[in-house]
Amino acid sequence: MARSKTSKNWLDEHVNDPYVKKAQVDGYRSRASYKLIEINEKDKLFRPGNVVMDLGSAPGGWSQIVVPLIGDSGRVIASDILPMDGIVGVTFIQGDFTEESVYHEILETLDGNKADVVVSDMSPNLSGVNTTDQYSSIYLVELALDMARNVLKPGGSFCAKVFQGVGYEEYVKDVRTSFSKVLVRKPAASRPRSREVYIVAKGFKG
């Protein structure tokens, strides 16, 4: 079947993307790894011994970055509806974390502890209808915020991808009610034409 012009343009952009090529050289599973690297360089989210939750983790590009930063005394609990190849230092739970069974499995893995950081690079399956996709993305990031509110320890941090558009301003205001400091980042690895930005929230009020 012939590719559409749009899909061909995406494929050409992807193949020629310097971050895709760099990820292959550096051994990262995703170009998204460089987004978290830049965010952490600016905002110092991760420390040795941290417990980190990685939502929408597949294929594992963010977990790869976190593991060496938190060291052997830290833990990463990752979750995605898609499968993810194992990473040393990461406990992976496959499933939809909004389902009760998966949510309880995550809590059991925490074993009564709280997380220091919750990160989310989740995106919806895009339909191509901008309004529908925007509502889907806001819904996902709201779920990530709910999870963060449930599992973070006081003073903890939250970092999540969100798309600018309908519901964006309201979402940022909602995040501010639970954290003492909220920043918006647009990493260099985030394509300029993309409406994605990253909300970095620190100082969870509990």
N, C-alpha and C. Protein backbone atom coordinates (compact mmCIF):
# COMPACT_ATOMS: atom_id res chain seq x y z
N MET A 1 0.85 -1.20 0.00
CA MET A 1 0.00 0.00 0.00
C MET A 1 0.88 1.25 0.00
N ALA A 2 0.58 2.21 -0.85
CA ALA A 2 1.39 3.43 -0.94
C ALA A 2 1.23 4.28 0.31
N ARG A 3 2.34 4.88 0.72
CA ARG A 3 2.29 5.76 1.89
C ARG A 3 1.68 7.09 1.50
N SER A 4 0.94 7.69 2.42
CA SER A 4 0.43 9.03 2.19
C SER A 4 1.58 10.02 2.26
N LYS A 5 1.36 11.21 1.72
CA LYS A 5 2.39 12.24 1.76
C LYS A 5 2.75 12.60 3.19
N THR A 6 1.73 12.63 4.06
CA THR A 6 1.97 12.97 5.46
C THR A 6 2.87 11.94 6.15
N SER A 7 2.55 10.65 5.94
CA SER A 7 3.34 9.60 6.59
C SER A 7 4.75 9.56 6.02
N LYS A 8 4.90 9.84 4.71
CA LYS A 8 6.23 9.88 4.11
C LYS A 8 7.04 11.03 4.68
N ASN A 9 6.39 12.19 4.85
CA ASN A 9 7.10 13.34 5.44
C ASN A 9 7.55 13.03 6.86
N TRP A 10 6.66 12.36 7.63
CA TRP A 10 7.03 11.99 9.00
C TRP A 10 8.21 11.04 9.00
N LEU A 11 8.17 10.04 8.11
CA LEU A 11 9.25 9.05 8.05
C LEU A 11 10.57 9.71 7.66
N ASP A 12 10.52 10.61 6.67
CA ASP A 12 11.74 11.32 6.27
C ASP A 12 12.29 12.15 7.42
N GLU A 13 11.39 12.83 8.14
CA GLU A 13 11.81 13.65 9.28
C GLU A 13 12.43 12.78 10.37
N HIS A 14 11.79 11.63 10.62
CA HIS A 14 12.27 10.73 11.67
C HIS A 14 13.65 10.18 11.33
N VAL A 15 13.80 9.71 10.10
CA VAL A 15 15.07 9.11 9.68
C VAL A 15 16.21 10.13 9.74
N ASN A 16 15.90 11.38 9.38
CA ASN A 16 16.93 12.42 9.34
C ASN A 16 17.08 13.19 10.64
N ASP A 17 16.27 12.83 11.64
CA ASP A 17 16.29 13.53 12.92
C ASP A 17 17.63 13.30 13.63
N PRO A 18 18.35 14.36 13.98
CA PRO A 18 19.65 14.18 14.64
C PRO A 18 19.54 13.48 15.99
N TYR A 19 18.41 13.66 16.69
CA TYR A 19 18.24 13.01 17.99
C TYR A 19 17.97 11.52 17.84
N VAL A 20 17.31 11.13 16.75
CA VAL A 20 17.12 9.70 16.48
C VAL A 20 18.48 9.06 16.23
N LYS A 21 19.31 9.72 15.42
CA LYS A 21 20.64 9.19 15.12
C LYS A 21 21.51 9.15 16.37
N LYS A 22 21.41 10.21 17.19
CA LYS A 22 22.20 10.27 18.42
C LYS A 22 21.79 9.17 19.40
N ALA A 23 20.48 8.91 19.49
CA ALA A 23 19.98 7.86 20.38
C ALA A 23 20.54 6.50 19.96
N GLN A 24 20.62 6.27 18.66
CA GLN A 24 21.17 4.99 18.17
C GLN A 24 22.63 4.85 18.56
N VAL A 25 23.38 5.95 18.46
CA VAL A 25 24.80 5.92 18.82
C VAL A 25 24.99 5.75 20.32
N ASP A 26 24.17 6.46 21.10
CA ASP A 26 24.32 6.45 22.57
C ASP A 26 23.67 5.24 23.23
N GLY A 27 22.92 4.46 22.45
CA GLY A 27 22.30 3.26 23.01
C GLY A 27 21.01 3.52 23.75
N TYR A 28 20.37 4.67 23.50
CA TYR A 28 19.07 4.96 24.14
C TYR A 28 17.94 4.40 23.29
N ARG A 29 16.87 4.01 23.95
CA ARG A 29 15.74 3.39 23.26
C ARG A 29 14.85 4.40 22.55
N SER A 30 14.99 5.66 22.89
CA SER A 30 14.10 6.67 22.33
C SER A 30 14.80 8.02 22.28
N ARG A 31 14.45 8.82 21.27
CA ARG A 31 14.96 10.19 21.20
C ARG A 31 14.45 11.02 22.37
N ALA A 32 13.34 10.56 22.99
CA ALA A 32 12.76 11.27 24.13
C ALA A 32 13.71 11.30 25.32
N SER A 33 14.70 10.40 25.33
CA SER A 33 15.67 10.39 26.43
C SER A 33 16.32 11.76 26.59
N TYR A 34 16.59 12.43 25.48
CA TYR A 34 17.30 13.71 25.54
C TYR A 34 16.43 14.82 26.11
N LYS A 35 15.11 14.64 26.02
CA LYS A 35 14.22 15.62 26.64
C LYS A 35 14.38 15.58 28.16
N LEU A 36 14.39 14.37 28.71
CA LEU A 36 14.51 14.23 30.16
C LEU A 36 15.91 14.61 30.63
N ILE A 37 16.92 14.31 29.83
CA ILE A 37 18.29 14.71 30.19
C ILE A 37 18.36 16.22 30.37
N GLU A 38 17.81 16.97 29.40
CA GLU A 38 17.85 18.43 29.48
C GLU A 38 17.03 18.96 30.64
N ILE A 39 15.84 18.39 30.84
CA ILE A 39 15.00 18.83 31.95
C ILE A 39 15.72 18.60 33.27
N ASN A 40 16.33 17.45 33.43
CA ASN A 40 17.00 17.15 34.70
C ASN A 40 18.23 18.03 34.90
N GLU A 41 18.93 18.37 33.83
CA GLU A 41 20.08 19.26 33.96
C GLU A 41 19.65 20.62 34.51
N LYS A 42 18.46 21.07 34.11
CA LYS A 42 17.95 22.37 34.56
C LYS A 42 17.28 22.29 35.93
N ASP A 43 16.56 21.21 36.18
CA ASP A 43 15.68 21.17 37.35
C ASP A 43 16.06 20.16 38.43
N LYS A 44 17.11 19.36 38.18
CA LYS A 44 17.65 18.46 39.21
C LYS A 44 16.53 17.64 39.90
N LEU A 45 15.83 16.86 39.10
CA LEU A 45 14.70 16.10 39.63
C LEU A 45 15.13 14.85 40.40
N PHE A 46 16.26 14.25 40.00
CA PHE A 46 16.61 12.92 40.52
C PHE A 46 17.87 12.95 41.38
N ARG A 47 17.78 12.18 42.47
CA ARG A 47 18.93 12.07 43.39
C ARG A 47 19.14 10.61 43.75
N PRO A 48 20.35 10.25 44.16
CA PRO A 48 20.61 8.87 44.58
C PRO A 48 19.62 8.43 45.66
N GLY A 49 19.09 7.22 45.52
CA GLY A 49 18.17 6.68 46.51
C GLY A 49 16.72 6.99 46.26
N ASN A 50 16.43 7.81 45.24
CA ASN A 50 15.03 8.16 44.94
C ASN A 50 14.21 6.96 44.49
N VAL A 51 12.91 7.02 44.83
CA VAL A 51 11.91 6.12 44.26
C VAL A 51 11.19 6.91 43.17
N VAL A 52 11.25 6.40 41.94
CA VAL A 52 10.71 7.13 40.79
C VAL A 52 9.66 6.28 40.09
N MET A 53 8.54 6.90 39.73
CA MET A 53 7.51 6.23 38.96
C MET A 53 7.50 6.80 37.55
N ASP A 54 7.59 5.91 36.56
CA ASP A 54 7.65 6.30 35.15
C ASP A 54 6.38 5.81 34.46
N LEU A 55 5.45 6.73 34.19
CA LEU A 55 4.17 6.38 33.57
C LEU A 55 4.26 6.51 32.05
N GLY A 56 3.69 5.54 31.34
CA GLY A 56 3.81 5.54 29.89
C GLY A 56 5.25 5.30 29.48
N SER A 57 5.87 4.32 30.11
CA SER A 57 7.33 4.17 30.07
C SER A 57 7.89 3.58 28.78
N ALA A 58 7.10 2.74 28.08
CA ALA A 58 7.64 2.07 26.89
C ALA A 58 8.04 3.10 25.82
N PRO A 59 9.17 2.86 25.15
CA PRO A 59 10.04 1.68 25.17
C PRO A 59 11.10 1.66 26.27
N GLY A 60 11.13 2.70 27.12
CA GLY A 60 12.05 2.70 28.24
C GLY A 60 13.10 3.78 28.19
N GLY A 61 12.95 4.73 27.29
CA GLY A 61 13.96 5.79 27.15
C GLY A 61 14.14 6.64 28.39
N TRP A 62 13.05 6.91 29.11
CA TRP A 62 13.17 7.73 30.31
C TRP A 62 13.71 6.90 31.48
N SER A 63 13.24 5.66 31.61
CA SER A 63 13.76 4.80 32.68
C SER A 63 15.27 4.61 32.55
N GLN A 64 15.75 4.50 31.32
CA GLN A 64 17.19 4.37 31.07
C GLN A 64 17.96 5.54 31.66
N ILE A 65 17.41 6.72 31.56
CA ILE A 65 18.08 7.92 32.07
C ILE A 65 18.05 7.96 33.59
N VAL A 66 16.92 7.55 34.16
CA VAL A 66 16.73 7.68 35.61
C VAL A 66 17.61 6.72 36.40
N VAL A 67 17.71 5.47 35.94
CA VAL A 67 18.39 4.43 36.72
C VAL A 67 19.79 4.83 37.19
N PRO A 68 20.69 5.29 36.32
CA PRO A 68 22.02 5.65 36.82
C PRO A 68 22.02 6.88 37.72
N LEU A 69 21.00 7.73 37.60
CA LEU A 69 20.95 8.94 38.42
C LEU A 69 20.55 8.63 39.86
N ILE A 70 19.72 7.60 40.05
CA ILE A 70 19.27 7.28 41.41
C ILE A 70 20.12 6.18 42.05
N GLY A 71 20.92 5.49 41.23
CA GLY A 71 21.88 4.53 41.78
C GLY A 71 21.25 3.25 42.29
N ASP A 72 22.09 2.40 42.85
CA ASP A 72 21.66 1.09 43.32
C ASP A 72 20.67 1.17 44.48
N SER A 73 20.70 2.26 45.22
CA SER A 73 19.80 2.40 46.37
C SER A 73 18.43 2.94 45.96
N GLY A 74 18.29 3.35 44.69
CA GLY A 74 17.01 3.86 44.21
C GLY A 74 16.19 2.80 43.53
N ARG A 75 14.97 3.17 43.16
CA ARG A 75 14.06 2.24 42.49
C ARG A 75 13.26 2.97 41.43
N VAL A 76 13.07 2.32 40.30
CA VAL A 76 12.16 2.83 39.28
C VAL A 76 11.01 1.83 39.12
N ILE A 77 9.80 2.34 39.23
CA ILE A 77 8.61 1.54 38.95
C ILE A 77 8.00 2.11 37.69
N ALA A 78 8.02 1.32 36.62
CA ALA A 78 7.55 1.78 35.30
C ALA A 78 6.27 1.06 34.92
N SER A 79 5.43 1.75 34.18
CA SER A 79 4.15 1.15 33.77
C SER A 79 3.75 1.65 32.39
N ASP A 80 3.20 0.75 31.60
CA ASP A 80 2.70 1.11 30.27
C ASP A 80 1.73 0.03 29.82
N ILE A 81 0.81 0.41 28.94
CA ILE A 81 -0.08 -0.60 28.37
C ILE A 81 0.66 -1.44 27.33
N LEU A 82 1.76 -0.91 26.81
CA LEU A 82 2.59 -1.64 25.85
C LEU A 82 3.69 -2.41 26.57
N PRO A 83 4.19 -3.48 25.97
CA PRO A 83 5.30 -4.21 26.59
C PRO A 83 6.58 -3.39 26.56
N MET A 84 7.49 -3.70 27.46
CA MET A 84 8.78 -3.01 27.52
C MET A 84 9.86 -4.01 27.89
N ASP A 85 10.93 -4.04 27.13
CA ASP A 85 12.05 -4.93 27.46
C ASP A 85 12.65 -4.53 28.79
N GLY A 86 13.13 -5.52 29.53
CA GLY A 86 13.63 -5.28 30.88
C GLY A 86 14.83 -4.34 30.94
N ILE A 87 14.92 -3.62 32.03
CA ILE A 87 16.06 -2.76 32.34
C ILE A 87 16.46 -3.05 33.78
N VAL A 88 17.73 -3.29 34.02
CA VAL A 88 18.20 -3.56 35.38
C VAL A 88 17.89 -2.34 36.25
N GLY A 89 17.25 -2.60 37.41
CA GLY A 89 16.89 -1.53 38.32
C GLY A 89 15.48 -1.00 38.13
N VAL A 90 14.76 -1.57 37.15
CA VAL A 90 13.40 -1.12 36.86
C VAL A 90 12.41 -2.27 37.06
N THR A 91 11.37 -2.01 37.84
CA THR A 91 10.26 -2.94 37.96
C THR A 91 9.18 -2.49 37.00
N PHE A 92 8.88 -3.32 36.01
CA PHE A 92 7.91 -2.93 34.99
C PHE A 92 6.58 -3.63 35.21
N ILE A 93 5.50 -2.85 35.16
CA ILE A 93 4.15 -3.37 35.32
C ILE A 93 3.37 -3.02 34.06
N GLN A 94 3.00 -4.05 33.29
CA GLN A 94 2.27 -3.80 32.06
C GLN A 94 0.78 -3.75 32.32
N GLY A 95 0.14 -2.72 31.78
CA GLY A 95 -1.30 -2.58 31.95
C GLY A 95 -1.69 -1.12 32.05
N ASP A 96 -2.98 -0.89 32.09
CA ASP A 96 -3.54 0.46 32.22
C ASP A 96 -3.63 0.80 33.71
N PHE A 97 -2.82 1.79 34.14
CA PHE A 97 -2.75 2.07 35.58
C PHE A 97 -4.04 2.65 36.14
N THR A 98 -4.99 2.99 35.24
CA THR A 98 -6.29 3.46 35.74
C THR A 98 -7.20 2.29 36.10
N GLU A 99 -6.81 1.09 35.68
CA GLU A 99 -7.58 -0.09 36.08
C GLU A 99 -7.18 -0.49 37.49
N GLU A 100 -8.18 -0.88 38.26
CA GLU A 100 -7.96 -1.13 39.68
C GLU A 100 -6.87 -2.16 39.94
N SER A 101 -6.85 -3.25 39.15
CA SER A 101 -5.87 -4.32 39.39
C SER A 101 -4.44 -3.83 39.15
N VAL A 102 -4.26 -3.03 38.10
CA VAL A 102 -2.92 -2.51 37.78
C VAL A 102 -2.51 -1.47 38.83
N TYR A 103 -3.44 -0.62 39.19
CA TYR A 103 -3.16 0.40 40.20
C TYR A 103 -2.74 -0.24 41.53
N HIS A 104 -3.42 -1.30 41.93
CA HIS A 104 -3.08 -1.98 43.18
C HIS A 104 -1.73 -2.69 43.07
N GLU A 105 -1.41 -3.18 41.87
CA GLU A 105 -0.10 -3.81 41.68
C GLU A 105 1.01 -2.78 41.85
N ILE A 106 0.78 -1.57 41.36
CA ILE A 106 1.75 -0.49 41.54
C ILE A 106 1.92 -0.16 43.01
N LEU A 107 0.79 -0.05 43.73
CA LEU A 107 0.87 0.25 45.16
C LEU A 107 1.58 -0.86 45.93
N GLU A 108 1.33 -2.11 45.53
CA GLU A 108 2.00 -3.23 46.18
C GLU A 108 3.50 -3.18 45.94
N THR A 109 3.89 -2.76 44.74
CA THR A 109 5.31 -2.65 44.42
C THR A 109 5.96 -1.54 45.25
N LEU A 110 5.22 -0.48 45.52
CA LEU A 110 5.73 0.59 46.39
C LEU A 110 5.92 0.08 47.83
N ASP A 111 5.15 -0.93 48.20
CA ASP A 111 5.30 -1.59 49.50
C ASP A 111 5.19 -0.61 50.67
N GLY A 112 4.18 0.25 50.59
CA GLY A 112 3.93 1.18 51.68
C GLY A 112 4.76 2.45 51.63
N ASN A 113 5.69 2.52 50.68
CA ASN A 113 6.52 3.72 50.54
C ASN A 113 5.85 4.73 49.61
N LYS A 114 6.38 5.94 49.62
CA LYS A 114 5.93 6.97 48.71
C LYS A 114 7.02 7.24 47.67
N ALA A 115 6.62 7.77 46.53
CA ALA A 115 7.57 8.10 45.47
C ALA A 115 8.15 9.49 45.68
N ASP A 116 9.40 9.64 45.26
CA ASP A 116 10.04 10.97 45.29
C ASP A 116 9.70 11.77 44.03
N VAL A 117 9.58 11.05 42.93
CA VAL A 117 9.33 11.70 41.63
C VAL A 117 8.37 10.84 40.81
N VAL A 118 7.42 11.49 40.14
CA VAL A 118 6.58 10.83 39.15
C VAL A 118 6.80 11.53 37.82
N VAL A 119 7.13 10.75 36.78
CA VAL A 119 7.32 11.32 35.45
C VAL A 119 6.36 10.65 34.48
N SER A 120 5.95 11.39 33.47
CA SER A 120 5.02 10.86 32.47
C SER A 120 5.33 11.46 31.11
N ASP A 121 5.61 10.60 30.15
CA ASP A 121 5.79 11.02 28.76
C ASP A 121 4.67 10.42 27.91
N MET A 122 3.51 10.21 28.51
CA MET A 122 2.40 9.56 27.82
C MET A 122 1.82 10.43 26.71
N SER A 123 1.43 9.77 25.62
CA SER A 123 0.69 10.41 24.54
C SER A 123 -0.47 9.50 24.15
N PRO A 124 -1.59 10.08 23.73
CA PRO A 124 -2.70 9.24 23.28
C PRO A 124 -2.43 8.69 21.89
N ASN A 125 -3.17 7.67 21.50
CA ASN A 125 -3.16 7.25 20.10
C ASN A 125 -3.86 8.33 19.29
N LEU A 126 -3.11 8.96 18.40
CA LEU A 126 -3.63 10.12 17.69
C LEU A 126 -4.61 9.72 16.60
N SER A 127 -5.72 10.46 16.52
CA SER A 127 -6.76 10.19 15.52
C SER A 127 -6.59 11.07 14.29
N GLY A 128 -5.81 12.16 14.47
CA GLY A 128 -5.68 13.12 13.38
C GLY A 128 -6.69 14.25 13.48
N VAL A 129 -7.66 14.10 14.38
CA VAL A 129 -8.64 15.16 14.64
C VAL A 129 -8.12 15.97 15.83
N ASN A 130 -7.71 17.21 15.57
CA ASN A 130 -7.00 17.99 16.59
C ASN A 130 -7.76 18.12 17.90
N THR A 131 -9.06 18.42 17.81
CA THR A 131 -9.85 18.62 19.03
C THR A 131 -9.92 17.33 19.84
N THR A 132 -10.18 16.23 19.17
CA THR A 132 -10.27 14.93 19.84
C THR A 132 -8.94 14.56 20.48
N ASP A 133 -7.85 14.76 19.73
CA ASP A 133 -6.52 14.41 20.24
C ASP A 133 -6.15 15.27 21.44
N GLN A 134 -6.55 16.55 21.41
CA GLN A 134 -6.23 17.44 22.53
C GLN A 134 -6.96 17.01 23.80
N TYR A 135 -8.24 16.68 23.67
CA TYR A 135 -8.99 16.21 24.84
C TYR A 135 -8.39 14.91 25.39
N SER A 136 -7.98 14.02 24.48
CA SER A 136 -7.38 12.76 24.91
C SER A 136 -6.07 12.99 25.65
N SER A 137 -5.26 13.92 25.15
CA SER A 137 -3.97 14.19 25.79
C SER A 137 -4.15 14.83 27.17
N ILE A 138 -5.11 15.75 27.28
CA ILE A 138 -5.37 16.39 28.57
C ILE A 138 -5.91 15.35 29.57
N TYR A 139 -6.75 14.47 29.09
CA TYR A 139 -7.28 13.41 29.96
C TYR A 139 -6.14 12.54 30.51
N LEU A 140 -5.21 12.17 29.65
CA LEU A 140 -4.08 11.34 30.09
C LEU A 140 -3.23 12.06 31.13
N VAL A 141 -2.94 13.31 30.89
CA VAL A 141 -2.06 14.02 31.80
C VAL A 141 -2.77 14.33 33.12
N GLU A 142 -4.10 14.44 33.08
CA GLU A 142 -4.87 14.57 34.32
C GLU A 142 -4.77 13.28 35.14
N LEU A 143 -4.82 12.14 34.46
CA LEU A 143 -4.66 10.86 35.15
C LEU A 143 -3.28 10.74 35.79
N ALA A 144 -2.27 11.22 35.07
CA ALA A 144 -0.91 11.19 35.61
C ALA A 144 -0.81 12.07 36.86
N LEU A 145 -1.46 13.23 36.83
CA LEU A 145 -1.46 14.12 37.99
C LEU A 145 -2.18 13.47 39.17
N ASP A 146 -3.29 12.79 38.91
CA ASP A 146 -4.00 12.08 39.98
C ASP A 146 -3.10 11.03 40.61
N MET A 147 -2.37 10.29 39.77
CA MET A 147 -1.45 9.29 40.31
C MET A 147 -0.38 9.95 41.16
N ALA A 148 0.18 11.05 40.68
CA ALA A 148 1.21 11.75 41.43
C ALA A 148 0.68 12.19 42.80
N ARG A 149 -0.53 12.71 42.82
CA ARG A 149 -1.11 13.16 44.09
C ARG A 149 -1.32 12.00 45.06
N ASN A 150 -1.53 10.82 44.52
CA ASN A 150 -1.77 9.65 45.37
C ASN A 150 -0.49 9.01 45.90
N VAL A 151 0.60 9.11 45.14
CA VAL A 151 1.80 8.33 45.52
C VAL A 151 3.00 9.17 45.94
N LEU A 152 2.99 10.47 45.66
CA LEU A 152 4.17 11.30 45.99
C LEU A 152 4.27 11.57 47.49
N LYS A 153 5.49 11.64 47.96
CA LYS A 153 5.72 12.08 49.33
C LYS A 153 5.75 13.60 49.35
N PRO A 154 5.47 14.24 50.48
CA PRO A 154 5.55 15.70 50.56
C PRO A 154 6.92 16.19 50.11
N GLY A 155 6.92 17.23 49.29
CA GLY A 155 8.17 17.75 48.75
C GLY A 155 8.58 17.10 47.44
N GLY A 156 7.83 16.08 47.00
CA GLY A 156 8.17 15.35 45.78
C GLY A 156 7.96 16.17 44.52
N SER A 157 8.40 15.58 43.39
CA SER A 157 8.36 16.29 42.11
C SER A 157 7.55 15.51 41.07
N PHE A 158 7.07 16.25 40.07
CA PHE A 158 6.24 15.70 39.02
C PHE A 158 6.66 16.33 37.70
N CYS A 159 6.82 15.52 36.66
CA CYS A 159 7.17 16.03 35.34
C CYS A 159 6.34 15.30 34.32
N ALA A 160 5.60 16.03 33.49
CA ALA A 160 4.70 15.39 32.54
C ALA A 160 4.61 16.16 31.23
N LYS A 161 4.49 15.40 30.16
CA LYS A 161 4.26 16.01 28.84
C LYS A 161 2.81 16.43 28.73
N VAL A 162 2.60 17.63 28.18
CA VAL A 162 1.24 18.11 27.96
C VAL A 162 1.25 18.91 26.67
N PHE A 163 0.14 18.85 25.95
CA PHE A 163 0.04 19.57 24.69
C PHE A 163 -0.73 20.87 24.88
N GLN A 164 -0.18 21.96 24.36
CA GLN A 164 -0.84 23.25 24.46
C GLN A 164 -2.09 23.28 23.58
N GLY A 165 -3.15 23.83 24.11
CA GLY A 165 -4.43 23.87 23.41
C GLY A 165 -5.55 23.92 24.42
N VAL A 166 -6.72 23.47 24.03
CA VAL A 166 -7.89 23.48 24.92
C VAL A 166 -7.58 22.69 26.19
N GLY A 167 -7.81 23.32 27.33
CA GLY A 167 -7.61 22.66 28.61
C GLY A 167 -6.23 22.83 29.20
N TYR A 168 -5.30 23.34 28.41
CA TYR A 168 -3.90 23.44 28.87
C TYR A 168 -3.76 24.42 30.03
N GLU A 169 -4.28 25.62 29.89
CA GLU A 169 -4.14 26.64 30.94
C GLU A 169 -4.78 26.18 32.24
N GLU A 170 -5.95 25.56 32.12
CA GLU A 170 -6.65 25.06 33.31
C GLU A 170 -5.84 23.97 34.00
N TYR A 171 -5.19 23.14 33.18
CA TYR A 171 -4.38 22.06 33.74
C TYR A 171 -3.20 22.62 34.53
N VAL A 172 -2.51 23.60 33.97
CA VAL A 172 -1.38 24.20 34.67
C VAL A 172 -1.82 24.81 35.99
N LYS A 173 -2.98 25.47 35.99
CA LYS A 173 -3.51 26.05 37.23
C LYS A 173 -3.79 24.96 38.26
N ASP A 174 -4.30 23.82 37.79
CA ASP A 174 -4.59 22.71 38.69
C ASP A 174 -3.30 22.17 39.31
N VAL A 175 -2.26 22.03 38.50
CA VAL A 175 -0.98 21.56 39.02
C VAL A 175 -0.46 22.50 40.11
N ARG A 176 -0.62 23.80 39.89
CA ARG A 176 -0.11 24.80 40.85
C ARG A 176 -0.77 24.68 42.23
N THR A 177 -1.97 24.11 42.28
CA THR A 177 -2.64 23.98 43.58
C THR A 177 -1.96 22.93 44.46
N SER A 178 -1.18 22.02 43.84
CA SER A 178 -0.58 20.92 44.61
C SER A 178 0.93 21.03 44.77
N PHE A 179 1.56 21.99 44.06
CA PHE A 179 3.02 22.10 44.10
C PHE A 179 3.43 23.55 44.34
N SER A 180 4.54 23.71 45.02
CA SER A 180 4.98 25.06 45.37
C SER A 180 5.67 25.78 44.21
N LYS A 181 6.21 25.02 43.25
CA LYS A 181 6.91 25.62 42.12
C LYS A 181 6.55 24.85 40.85
N VAL A 182 6.07 25.57 39.83
CA VAL A 182 5.68 24.93 38.57
C VAL A 182 6.33 25.69 37.41
N LEU A 183 7.04 24.95 36.56
CA LEU A 183 7.73 25.52 35.41
C LEU A 183 7.25 24.83 34.14
N VAL A 184 7.41 25.51 33.02
CA VAL A 184 7.10 24.92 31.72
C VAL A 184 8.39 24.87 30.91
N ARG A 185 8.74 23.68 30.43
CA ARG A 185 9.98 23.47 29.67
C ARG A 185 9.66 23.02 28.25
N LYS A 186 10.47 23.48 27.31
CA LYS A 186 10.40 23.03 25.91
C LYS A 186 11.81 22.58 25.52
N PRO A 187 12.14 21.31 25.77
CA PRO A 187 13.50 20.84 25.50
C PRO A 187 13.87 20.95 24.02
N ALA A 188 15.16 21.05 23.77
CA ALA A 188 15.65 21.17 22.38
C ALA A 188 15.24 19.96 21.55
N ALA A 189 15.14 18.79 22.17
CA ALA A 189 14.77 17.57 21.45
C ALA A 189 13.29 17.50 21.11
N SER A 190 12.51 18.43 21.64
CA SER A 190 11.09 18.50 21.30
C SER A 190 10.97 19.27 19.99
N ARG A 191 10.37 18.66 18.99
CA ARG A 191 10.33 19.28 17.66
C ARG A 191 9.62 20.63 17.73
N PRO A 192 10.21 21.66 17.11
CA PRO A 192 9.66 23.02 17.21
C PRO A 192 8.19 23.13 16.82
N ARG A 193 7.76 22.36 15.80
CA ARG A 193 6.37 22.46 15.34
C ARG A 193 5.39 21.78 16.29
N SER A 194 5.92 20.95 17.22
CA SER A 194 5.05 20.23 18.14
C SER A 194 4.52 21.15 19.22
N ARG A 195 3.27 20.92 19.61
CA ARG A 195 2.66 21.72 20.68
C ARG A 195 3.01 21.17 22.06
N GLU A 196 3.84 20.13 22.11
CA GLU A 196 4.17 19.53 23.39
C GLU A 196 5.12 20.42 24.20
N VAL A 197 4.84 20.49 25.49
CA VAL A 197 5.75 21.10 26.46
C VAL A 197 5.76 20.16 27.67
N TYR A 198 6.66 20.44 28.59
CA TYR A 198 6.76 19.60 29.79
C TYR A 198 6.53 20.46 31.03
N ILE A 199 5.58 20.03 31.82
CA ILE A 199 5.31 20.67 33.10
C ILE A 199 6.25 20.06 34.14
N VAL A 200 7.01 20.91 34.80
CA VAL A 200 7.90 20.45 35.87
C VAL A 200 7.41 21.09 37.17
N ALA A 201 6.94 20.24 38.07
CA ALA A 201 6.37 20.71 39.33
C ALA A 201 7.18 20.17 40.50
N LYS A 202 7.56 21.06 41.41
CA LYS A 202 8.39 20.65 42.54
C LYS A 202 7.75 21.11 43.84
N GLY A 203 8.08 20.41 44.91
CA GLY A 203 7.55 20.78 46.22
C GLY A 203 6.10 20.38 46.40
N PHE A 204 5.83 19.07 46.25
CA PHE A 204 4.45 18.58 46.44
C PHE A 204 3.96 18.92 47.84
N LYS A 205 2.76 19.49 47.91
CA LYS A 205 2.23 19.98 49.18
C LYS A 205 1.59 18.87 50.02
N GLY A 206 1.33 17.72 49.40
CA GLY A 206 0.79 16.59 50.15
C GLY A 206 -0.68 16.76 50.48
